[in-house]
Amino acid sequence: MNREEKHEVVSALQEKMQEFGNFYIADTSSLSVEKVNNIRRKCFESGIEMQVAKNTLIRKAIEGLEGDASEIFVALKGQSALLFSTVGNGPAKLIKALRKGSDKPVLKAAYIDSTVFVGDNQLDTLVSLKSREELIGDIIGLLQSPAKNVVSALQSGGNKIAGIVKTLQERG
């Protein structure tokens, strides 16, 4: 691979990192071609893009990102597969599901909205992260709840007042 080809790979990786906003680095070494193809198929079904690249090229792409993501460099050893996703916890859920059958892929690191997670021990934390859409849904639900309570209180209060007035009219 000549210098120009390496530059093209680095710029393509940077574009994906910026476009998706989230990426995971996983170790898929020692897996058979069949198992790697199965992982690629599951990624495709989940809206996750998988790409294998040399660690030095991944490092150069990360160096070009805004902010400091140098913590992730310790994970760039051995074979590295990049998993790109618009949903922060999508690849973590996929890795966890794939690990039910074997001990690979192993999470090496993750970059979620400018936050770096390093190590396979972070997998459960990443699975429990809520996506942006889930957080917005929770906030809307919380905002709607008090309004619904006020409306229902007013409606039930109105019914009670109408009932009291009606009772008083019948007595009078």
N, C-alpha and C. Protein backbone atom coordinates (compact mmCIF):
# COMPACT_ATOMS: atom_id res chain seq x y z
N MET A 1 0.85 -1.17 0.00
CA MET A 1 0.00 0.00 0.00
C MET A 1 0.90 1.24 0.00
N ASN A 2 0.74 2.09 -1.02
CA ASN A 2 1.59 3.27 -1.09
C ASN A 2 1.01 4.42 -0.25
N ARG A 3 1.75 5.50 -0.17
CA ARG A 3 1.40 6.62 0.69
C ARG A 3 0.03 7.22 0.32
N GLU A 4 -0.23 7.33 -0.97
CA GLU A 4 -1.49 7.92 -1.42
C GLU A 4 -2.68 7.04 -1.02
N GLU A 5 -2.54 5.72 -1.16
CA GLU A 5 -3.61 4.80 -0.76
C GLU A 5 -3.85 4.86 0.75
N LYS A 6 -2.78 4.96 1.52
CA LYS A 6 -2.92 5.09 2.98
C LYS A 6 -3.67 6.37 3.34
N HIS A 7 -3.33 7.46 2.66
CA HIS A 7 -3.99 8.74 2.91
C HIS A 7 -5.49 8.64 2.60
N GLU A 8 -5.84 7.94 1.51
CA GLU A 8 -7.24 7.75 1.15
C GLU A 8 -7.99 6.95 2.21
N VAL A 9 -7.35 5.89 2.73
CA VAL A 9 -7.97 5.08 3.77
C VAL A 9 -8.19 5.91 5.03
N VAL A 10 -7.17 6.69 5.42
CA VAL A 10 -7.28 7.53 6.62
C VAL A 10 -8.41 8.54 6.47
N SER A 11 -8.49 9.21 5.33
CA SER A 11 -9.54 10.21 5.14
C SER A 11 -10.92 9.55 5.08
N ALA A 12 -11.02 8.36 4.51
CA ALA A 12 -12.30 7.64 4.48
C ALA A 12 -12.73 7.25 5.90
N LEU A 13 -11.76 6.79 6.71
CA LEU A 13 -12.07 6.45 8.10
C LEU A 13 -12.52 7.68 8.87
N GLN A 14 -11.83 8.80 8.68
CA GLN A 14 -12.21 10.04 9.37
C GLN A 14 -13.63 10.47 8.99
N GLU A 15 -13.96 10.36 7.71
CA GLU A 15 -15.30 10.72 7.26
C GLU A 15 -16.35 9.87 7.96
N LYS A 16 -16.10 8.56 8.05
CA LYS A 16 -17.05 7.66 8.71
C LYS A 16 -17.16 7.99 10.20
N MET A 17 -16.02 8.26 10.83
CA MET A 17 -16.04 8.58 12.26
C MET A 17 -16.86 9.84 12.52
N GLN A 18 -16.73 10.82 11.65
CA GLN A 18 -17.49 12.06 11.81
C GLN A 18 -18.95 11.87 11.42
N GLU A 19 -19.20 11.10 10.37
CA GLU A 19 -20.56 10.87 9.90
C GLU A 19 -21.40 10.11 10.93
N PHE A 20 -20.84 9.02 11.47
CA PHE A 20 -21.58 8.19 12.41
C PHE A 20 -21.53 8.74 13.83
N GLY A 21 -20.42 9.36 14.22
CA GLY A 21 -20.30 9.92 15.56
C GLY A 21 -19.94 8.91 16.63
N ASN A 22 -20.12 7.63 16.35
CA ASN A 22 -19.82 6.55 17.31
C ASN A 22 -19.08 5.45 16.57
N PHE A 23 -18.05 4.93 17.21
CA PHE A 23 -17.40 3.75 16.65
C PHE A 23 -16.80 2.91 17.75
N TYR A 24 -16.75 1.63 17.49
CA TYR A 24 -16.19 0.66 18.42
C TYR A 24 -14.99 0.00 17.74
N ILE A 25 -14.01 -0.37 18.53
CA ILE A 25 -12.88 -1.14 18.03
C ILE A 25 -12.95 -2.50 18.72
N ALA A 26 -13.04 -3.53 17.92
CA ALA A 26 -13.20 -4.88 18.45
C ALA A 26 -12.11 -5.80 17.92
N ASP A 27 -11.82 -6.83 18.68
CA ASP A 27 -10.83 -7.84 18.29
C ASP A 27 -11.58 -9.06 17.76
N THR A 28 -11.36 -9.34 16.48
CA THR A 28 -11.99 -10.51 15.86
C THR A 28 -10.93 -11.52 15.43
N SER A 29 -9.72 -11.39 15.95
CA SER A 29 -8.65 -12.31 15.56
C SER A 29 -9.00 -13.72 15.98
N SER A 30 -8.46 -14.67 15.31
CA SER A 30 -8.64 -16.11 15.52
C SER A 30 -10.05 -16.60 15.22
N LEU A 31 -10.90 -15.75 14.66
CA LEU A 31 -12.21 -16.21 14.24
C LEU A 31 -12.12 -16.71 12.80
N SER A 32 -12.90 -17.72 12.50
CA SER A 32 -12.90 -18.25 11.14
C SER A 32 -13.57 -17.24 10.19
N VAL A 33 -13.34 -17.40 8.91
CA VAL A 33 -13.94 -16.53 7.90
C VAL A 33 -15.46 -16.61 8.00
N GLU A 34 -15.98 -17.81 8.25
CA GLU A 34 -17.42 -17.99 8.38
C GLU A 34 -17.98 -17.16 9.54
N LYS A 35 -17.29 -17.17 10.68
CA LYS A 35 -17.77 -16.41 11.84
C LYS A 35 -17.67 -14.90 11.59
N VAL A 36 -16.60 -14.46 10.95
CA VAL A 36 -16.45 -13.03 10.63
C VAL A 36 -17.55 -12.60 9.66
N ASN A 37 -17.85 -13.44 8.68
CA ASN A 37 -18.93 -13.12 7.74
C ASN A 37 -20.28 -13.07 8.45
N ASN A 38 -20.47 -13.94 9.43
CA ASN A 38 -21.69 -13.92 10.24
C ASN A 38 -21.79 -12.60 11.01
N ILE A 39 -20.67 -12.14 11.57
CA ILE A 39 -20.65 -10.87 12.29
C ILE A 39 -20.99 -9.73 11.32
N ARG A 40 -20.41 -9.75 10.13
CA ARG A 40 -20.70 -8.72 9.12
C ARG A 40 -22.19 -8.72 8.77
N ARG A 41 -22.78 -9.90 8.63
CA ARG A 41 -24.20 -10.02 8.30
C ARG A 41 -25.05 -9.43 9.43
N LYS A 42 -24.73 -9.76 10.67
CA LYS A 42 -25.47 -9.24 11.82
C LYS A 42 -25.31 -7.72 11.92
N CYS A 43 -24.11 -7.22 11.61
CA CYS A 43 -23.88 -5.77 11.60
C CYS A 43 -24.79 -5.11 10.57
N PHE A 44 -24.83 -5.67 9.38
CA PHE A 44 -25.66 -5.12 8.31
C PHE A 44 -27.12 -5.08 8.73
N GLU A 45 -27.59 -6.17 9.34
CA GLU A 45 -28.99 -6.25 9.79
C GLU A 45 -29.29 -5.22 10.87
N SER A 46 -28.28 -4.84 11.66
CA SER A 46 -28.47 -3.90 12.76
C SER A 46 -28.14 -2.46 12.38
N GLY A 47 -27.81 -2.21 11.12
CA GLY A 47 -27.48 -0.85 10.70
C GLY A 47 -26.10 -0.40 11.15
N ILE A 48 -25.22 -1.37 11.36
CA ILE A 48 -23.85 -1.10 11.81
C ILE A 48 -22.91 -1.42 10.65
N GLU A 49 -21.95 -0.55 10.43
CA GLU A 49 -20.99 -0.78 9.35
C GLU A 49 -19.69 -1.28 9.95
N MET A 50 -19.16 -2.37 9.41
CA MET A 50 -17.93 -2.98 9.92
C MET A 50 -16.81 -2.81 8.89
N GLN A 51 -15.64 -2.44 9.39
CA GLN A 51 -14.48 -2.29 8.52
C GLN A 51 -13.22 -2.69 9.28
N VAL A 52 -12.35 -3.41 8.62
CA VAL A 52 -11.07 -3.80 9.20
C VAL A 52 -10.00 -2.90 8.61
N ALA A 53 -9.13 -2.37 9.46
CA ALA A 53 -8.06 -1.50 8.99
C ALA A 53 -6.83 -1.69 9.86
N LYS A 54 -5.68 -1.24 9.35
CA LYS A 54 -4.44 -1.31 10.12
C LYS A 54 -4.51 -0.32 11.28
N ASN A 55 -3.92 -0.71 12.40
CA ASN A 55 -3.95 0.13 13.60
C ASN A 55 -3.32 1.50 13.37
N THR A 56 -2.23 1.55 12.60
CA THR A 56 -1.58 2.85 12.36
C THR A 56 -2.50 3.79 11.59
N LEU A 57 -3.28 3.24 10.66
CA LEU A 57 -4.21 4.07 9.89
C LEU A 57 -5.39 4.52 10.76
N ILE A 58 -5.86 3.63 11.63
CA ILE A 58 -6.93 3.99 12.57
C ILE A 58 -6.44 5.11 13.48
N ARG A 59 -5.21 4.97 13.96
CA ARG A 59 -4.64 5.99 14.85
C ARG A 59 -4.59 7.36 14.17
N LYS A 60 -4.11 7.39 12.92
CA LYS A 60 -4.04 8.65 12.18
C LYS A 60 -5.43 9.26 11.98
N ALA A 61 -6.42 8.42 11.71
CA ALA A 61 -7.79 8.90 11.54
C ALA A 61 -8.32 9.50 12.85
N ILE A 62 -8.04 8.85 13.97
CA ILE A 62 -8.50 9.33 15.27
C ILE A 62 -7.78 10.64 15.63
N GLU A 63 -6.50 10.74 15.29
CA GLU A 63 -5.75 11.97 15.56
C GLU A 63 -6.37 13.16 14.83
N GLY A 64 -7.01 12.91 13.70
CA GLY A 64 -7.63 13.99 12.94
C GLY A 64 -9.00 14.42 13.46
N LEU A 65 -9.54 13.71 14.44
CA LEU A 65 -10.84 14.08 15.01
C LEU A 65 -10.69 15.28 15.94
N GLU A 66 -11.79 16.01 16.11
CA GLU A 66 -11.78 17.11 17.06
C GLU A 66 -11.74 16.55 18.48
N GLY A 67 -11.08 17.27 19.37
CA GLY A 67 -10.98 16.81 20.75
C GLY A 67 -9.83 15.83 20.93
N ASP A 68 -9.63 15.40 22.17
CA ASP A 68 -8.53 14.49 22.48
C ASP A 68 -9.07 13.09 22.72
N ALA A 69 -8.75 12.19 21.81
CA ALA A 69 -9.18 10.79 21.95
C ALA A 69 -7.97 9.88 22.07
N SER A 70 -6.86 10.42 22.56
CA SER A 70 -5.62 9.65 22.63
C SER A 70 -5.70 8.46 23.59
N GLU A 71 -6.67 8.47 24.51
CA GLU A 71 -6.83 7.34 25.43
C GLU A 71 -7.09 6.03 24.68
N ILE A 72 -7.66 6.15 23.51
CA ILE A 72 -8.05 4.98 22.72
C ILE A 72 -6.84 4.28 22.11
N PHE A 73 -5.71 4.98 22.01
CA PHE A 73 -4.53 4.43 21.33
C PHE A 73 -3.99 3.16 21.99
N VAL A 74 -4.19 3.00 23.30
CA VAL A 74 -3.70 1.79 23.98
C VAL A 74 -4.40 0.53 23.47
N ALA A 75 -5.59 0.71 22.89
CA ALA A 75 -6.36 -0.44 22.39
C ALA A 75 -5.94 -0.85 20.99
N LEU A 76 -5.12 -0.06 20.35
CA LEU A 76 -4.74 -0.34 18.96
C LEU A 76 -3.56 -1.30 18.90
N LYS A 77 -3.82 -2.53 19.27
CA LYS A 77 -2.84 -3.61 19.20
C LYS A 77 -3.55 -4.83 18.63
N GLY A 78 -2.82 -5.63 17.88
CA GLY A 78 -3.43 -6.82 17.29
C GLY A 78 -4.38 -6.45 16.17
N GLN A 79 -5.26 -7.38 15.81
CA GLN A 79 -6.21 -7.13 14.74
C GLN A 79 -7.35 -6.26 15.26
N SER A 80 -7.74 -5.26 14.47
CA SER A 80 -8.80 -4.35 14.89
C SER A 80 -9.88 -4.25 13.82
N ALA A 81 -11.10 -4.44 14.26
CA ALA A 81 -12.27 -4.25 13.39
C ALA A 81 -13.04 -3.05 13.93
N LEU A 82 -13.38 -2.12 13.06
CA LEU A 82 -14.14 -0.94 13.45
C LEU A 82 -15.62 -1.19 13.19
N LEU A 83 -16.44 -0.84 14.15
CA LEU A 83 -17.89 -0.94 14.02
C LEU A 83 -18.46 0.47 14.12
N PHE A 84 -19.01 0.99 13.04
CA PHE A 84 -19.57 2.34 13.00
C PHE A 84 -21.09 2.27 13.17
N SER A 85 -21.63 3.18 14.00
CA SER A 85 -23.06 3.18 14.23
C SER A 85 -23.53 4.58 14.61
N THR A 86 -24.77 4.91 14.21
CA THR A 86 -25.35 6.18 14.64
C THR A 86 -25.96 6.04 16.03
N VAL A 87 -26.23 4.82 16.44
CA VAL A 87 -26.78 4.55 17.77
C VAL A 87 -25.63 4.15 18.69
N GLY A 88 -25.43 4.89 19.76
CA GLY A 88 -24.28 4.68 20.64
C GLY A 88 -24.15 3.29 21.23
N ASN A 89 -25.28 2.69 21.61
CA ASN A 89 -25.21 1.38 22.26
C ASN A 89 -25.47 0.22 21.31
N GLY A 90 -25.70 0.49 20.04
CA GLY A 90 -25.99 -0.56 19.05
C GLY A 90 -24.90 -1.62 18.94
N PRO A 91 -23.65 -1.21 18.69
CA PRO A 91 -22.58 -2.22 18.59
C PRO A 91 -22.36 -2.98 19.90
N ALA A 92 -22.54 -2.32 21.04
CA ALA A 92 -22.36 -3.00 22.33
C ALA A 92 -23.39 -4.12 22.48
N LYS A 93 -24.63 -3.82 22.11
CA LYS A 93 -25.68 -4.85 22.19
C LYS A 93 -25.37 -6.00 21.24
N LEU A 94 -24.88 -5.67 20.04
CA LEU A 94 -24.54 -6.70 19.07
C LEU A 94 -23.38 -7.57 19.58
N ILE A 95 -22.34 -6.95 20.12
CA ILE A 95 -21.20 -7.71 20.65
C ILE A 95 -21.66 -8.63 21.77
N LYS A 96 -22.50 -8.10 22.65
CA LYS A 96 -23.01 -8.91 23.77
C LYS A 96 -23.81 -10.11 23.25
N ALA A 97 -24.62 -9.88 22.23
CA ALA A 97 -25.42 -10.98 21.65
C ALA A 97 -24.51 -12.01 20.98
N LEU A 98 -23.48 -11.55 20.28
CA LEU A 98 -22.56 -12.47 19.61
C LEU A 98 -21.74 -13.28 20.61
N ARG A 99 -21.49 -12.72 21.77
CA ARG A 99 -20.67 -13.39 22.77
C ARG A 99 -21.41 -14.51 23.49
N LYS A 100 -22.70 -14.63 23.27
CA LYS A 100 -23.44 -15.75 23.87
C LYS A 100 -22.96 -17.07 23.30
N GLY A 101 -22.48 -17.03 22.04
CA GLY A 101 -22.02 -18.25 21.39
C GLY A 101 -20.54 -18.50 21.50
N SER A 102 -19.74 -17.44 21.70
CA SER A 102 -18.29 -17.60 21.81
C SER A 102 -17.70 -16.44 22.61
N ASP A 103 -16.39 -16.45 22.79
CA ASP A 103 -15.75 -15.40 23.58
C ASP A 103 -15.30 -14.22 22.73
N LYS A 104 -15.57 -14.24 21.44
CA LYS A 104 -15.20 -13.15 20.54
C LYS A 104 -16.46 -12.63 19.86
N PRO A 105 -16.51 -11.42 19.42
CA PRO A 105 -15.47 -10.39 19.43
C PRO A 105 -15.29 -9.78 20.82
N VAL A 106 -14.08 -9.32 21.06
CA VAL A 106 -13.74 -8.67 22.32
C VAL A 106 -13.72 -7.17 22.09
N LEU A 107 -14.37 -6.44 22.97
CA LEU A 107 -14.37 -4.99 22.86
C LEU A 107 -13.01 -4.45 23.31
N LYS A 108 -12.36 -3.71 22.42
CA LYS A 108 -11.08 -3.10 22.76
C LYS A 108 -11.28 -1.67 23.23
N ALA A 109 -12.15 -0.94 22.54
CA ALA A 109 -12.43 0.45 22.91
C ALA A 109 -13.67 0.92 22.17
N ALA A 110 -14.21 2.04 22.65
CA ALA A 110 -15.37 2.65 21.99
C ALA A 110 -15.26 4.16 22.10
N TYR A 111 -15.77 4.83 21.09
CA TYR A 111 -15.81 6.29 21.04
C TYR A 111 -17.27 6.68 20.82
N ILE A 112 -17.91 7.20 21.87
CA ILE A 112 -19.32 7.55 21.81
C ILE A 112 -19.47 9.04 22.08
N ASP A 113 -19.88 9.78 21.08
CA ASP A 113 -20.10 11.22 21.23
C ASP A 113 -18.96 11.90 21.99
N SER A 114 -17.75 11.73 21.54
CA SER A 114 -16.53 12.35 22.10
C SER A 114 -16.08 11.76 23.43
N THR A 115 -16.73 10.69 23.90
CA THR A 115 -16.32 10.03 25.14
C THR A 115 -15.66 8.70 24.78
N VAL A 116 -14.52 8.43 25.43
CA VAL A 116 -13.76 7.22 25.13
C VAL A 116 -13.96 6.19 26.24
N PHE A 117 -14.23 4.96 25.85
CA PHE A 117 -14.34 3.82 26.76
C PHE A 117 -13.30 2.81 26.32
N VAL A 118 -12.45 2.36 27.24
CA VAL A 118 -11.38 1.43 26.88
C VAL A 118 -11.53 0.16 27.70
N GLY A 119 -11.49 -0.97 27.00
CA GLY A 119 -11.49 -2.27 27.67
C GLY A 119 -12.80 -3.01 27.55
N ASP A 120 -12.69 -4.33 27.55
CA ASP A 120 -13.86 -5.20 27.43
C ASP A 120 -14.77 -5.09 28.65
N ASN A 121 -14.22 -4.67 29.79
CA ASN A 121 -15.02 -4.53 31.00
C ASN A 121 -16.04 -3.39 30.89
N GLN A 122 -15.95 -2.56 29.87
CA GLN A 122 -16.88 -1.46 29.66
C GLN A 122 -18.14 -1.88 28.88
N LEU A 123 -18.18 -3.13 28.44
CA LEU A 123 -19.28 -3.59 27.59
C LEU A 123 -20.65 -3.42 28.25
N ASP A 124 -20.79 -3.82 29.51
CA ASP A 124 -22.09 -3.70 30.19
C ASP A 124 -22.50 -2.24 30.32
N THR A 125 -21.54 -1.37 30.60
CA THR A 125 -21.82 0.07 30.70
C THR A 125 -22.34 0.58 29.36
N LEU A 126 -21.69 0.17 28.28
CA LEU A 126 -22.09 0.64 26.95
C LEU A 126 -23.45 0.10 26.54
N VAL A 127 -23.76 -1.14 26.93
CA VAL A 127 -25.06 -1.72 26.60
C VAL A 127 -26.17 -0.92 27.29
N SER A 128 -25.91 -0.47 28.52
CA SER A 128 -26.94 0.23 29.28
C SER A 128 -27.08 1.70 28.90
N LEU A 129 -26.19 2.22 28.06
CA LEU A 129 -26.33 3.61 27.60
C LEU A 129 -27.62 3.75 26.81
N LYS A 130 -28.29 4.85 27.01
CA LYS A 130 -29.51 5.09 26.24
C LYS A 130 -29.15 5.87 24.99
N SER A 131 -29.84 5.55 23.91
CA SER A 131 -29.62 6.27 22.67
C SER A 131 -30.25 7.66 22.78
N ARG A 132 -29.89 8.52 21.88
CA ARG A 132 -30.42 9.88 21.88
C ARG A 132 -31.95 9.86 21.80
N GLU A 133 -32.49 9.00 20.96
CA GLU A 133 -33.94 8.91 20.79
C GLU A 133 -34.62 8.44 22.08
N GLU A 134 -34.00 7.48 22.77
CA GLU A 134 -34.55 6.99 24.04
C GLU A 134 -34.55 8.09 25.09
N LEU A 135 -33.47 8.88 25.14
CA LEU A 135 -33.40 9.98 26.11
C LEU A 135 -34.45 11.04 25.80
N ILE A 136 -34.63 11.38 24.54
CA ILE A 136 -35.64 12.37 24.16
C ILE A 136 -37.03 11.86 24.53
N GLY A 137 -37.28 10.57 24.29
CA GLY A 137 -38.56 9.96 24.65
C GLY A 137 -38.81 10.03 26.16
N ASP A 138 -37.76 9.75 26.94
CA ASP A 138 -37.90 9.83 28.40
C ASP A 138 -38.22 11.25 28.85
N ILE A 139 -37.54 12.23 28.26
CA ILE A 139 -37.76 13.63 28.63
C ILE A 139 -39.18 14.05 28.26
N ILE A 140 -39.63 13.68 27.07
CA ILE A 140 -41.00 14.03 26.65
C ILE A 140 -42.01 13.38 27.58
N GLY A 141 -41.77 12.13 27.95
CA GLY A 141 -42.66 11.45 28.89
C GLY A 141 -42.72 12.14 30.24
N LEU A 142 -41.56 12.60 30.71
CA LEU A 142 -41.52 13.31 31.99
C LEU A 142 -42.24 14.65 31.90
N LEU A 143 -42.08 15.33 30.77
CA LEU A 143 -42.74 16.62 30.60
C LEU A 143 -44.25 16.47 30.44
N GLN A 144 -44.69 15.40 29.80
CA GLN A 144 -46.12 15.18 29.58
C GLN A 144 -46.83 14.75 30.87
N SER A 145 -46.13 14.05 31.73
CA SER A 145 -46.73 13.49 32.93
C SER A 145 -47.39 14.56 33.81
N PRO A 146 -46.69 15.65 34.20
CA PRO A 146 -47.35 16.65 35.04
C PRO A 146 -48.54 17.31 34.34
N ALA A 147 -48.44 17.55 33.04
CA ALA A 147 -49.54 18.17 32.31
C ALA A 147 -50.76 17.25 32.33
N LYS A 148 -50.54 15.95 32.14
CA LYS A 148 -51.66 15.00 32.17
C LYS A 148 -52.30 14.98 33.56
N ASN A 149 -51.47 15.06 34.60
CA ASN A 149 -52.00 15.05 35.96
C ASN A 149 -52.87 16.29 36.21
N VAL A 150 -52.43 17.45 35.75
CA VAL A 150 -53.19 18.68 35.94
C VAL A 150 -54.51 18.60 35.19
N VAL A 151 -54.46 18.15 33.93
CA VAL A 151 -55.68 18.04 33.13
C VAL A 151 -56.66 17.07 33.77
N SER A 152 -56.17 15.91 34.20
CA SER A 152 -57.08 14.93 34.80
C SER A 152 -57.63 15.44 36.13
N ALA A 153 -56.84 16.17 36.89
CA ALA A 153 -57.33 16.74 38.15
C ALA A 153 -58.40 17.78 37.88
N LEU A 154 -58.19 18.59 36.86
CA LEU A 154 -59.20 19.60 36.52
C LEU A 154 -60.49 18.94 36.04
N GLN A 155 -60.32 17.86 35.24
CA GLN A 155 -61.51 17.18 34.73
C GLN A 155 -62.27 16.51 35.87
N SER A 156 -61.55 15.81 36.73
CA SER A 156 -62.24 15.12 37.82
C SER A 156 -62.80 16.13 38.82
N GLY A 157 -62.06 17.22 39.03
CA GLY A 157 -62.55 18.28 39.92
C GLY A 157 -63.81 18.90 39.37
N GLY A 158 -63.85 19.12 38.06
CA GLY A 158 -65.04 19.67 37.42
C GLY A 158 -66.23 18.75 37.58
N ASN A 159 -65.98 17.45 37.45
CA ASN A 159 -67.06 16.47 37.62
C ASN A 159 -67.57 16.49 39.06
N LYS A 160 -66.66 16.62 40.01
CA LYS A 160 -67.06 16.65 41.42
C LYS A 160 -67.88 17.90 41.71
N ILE A 161 -67.43 19.04 41.18
CA ILE A 161 -68.16 20.30 41.41
C ILE A 161 -69.54 20.22 40.77
N ALA A 162 -69.59 19.68 39.56
CA ALA A 162 -70.89 19.56 38.89
C ALA A 162 -71.81 18.64 39.69
N GLY A 163 -71.25 17.58 40.23
CA GLY A 163 -72.04 16.65 41.05
C GLY A 163 -72.55 17.31 42.32
N ILE A 164 -71.71 18.12 42.95
CA ILE A 164 -72.11 18.83 44.18
C ILE A 164 -73.21 19.84 43.86
N VAL A 165 -73.03 20.60 42.79
CA VAL A 165 -74.03 21.60 42.40
C VAL A 165 -75.36 20.91 42.08
N LYS A 166 -75.30 19.79 41.38
CA LYS A 166 -76.50 19.07 41.03
C LYS A 166 -77.22 18.57 42.29
N THR A 167 -76.46 18.06 43.25
CA THR A 167 -77.02 17.57 44.51
C THR A 167 -77.68 18.72 45.27
N LEU A 168 -77.00 19.85 45.30
CA LEU A 168 -77.55 21.02 46.00
C LEU A 168 -78.84 21.51 45.32
N GLN A 169 -78.88 21.45 44.00
CA GLN A 169 -80.09 21.87 43.27
C GLN A 169 -81.25 20.96 43.60
N GLU A 170 -80.97 19.63 43.66
CA GLU A 170 -82.03 18.69 43.93
C GLU A 170 -82.57 18.85 45.35
N ARG A 171 -81.73 19.24 46.30
CA ARG A 171 -82.15 19.44 47.67
C ARG A 171 -82.96 20.74 47.80
N GLY A 172 -82.57 21.72 47.04
CA GLY A 172 -83.12 23.06 47.18
C GLY A 172 -84.39 23.23 46.51
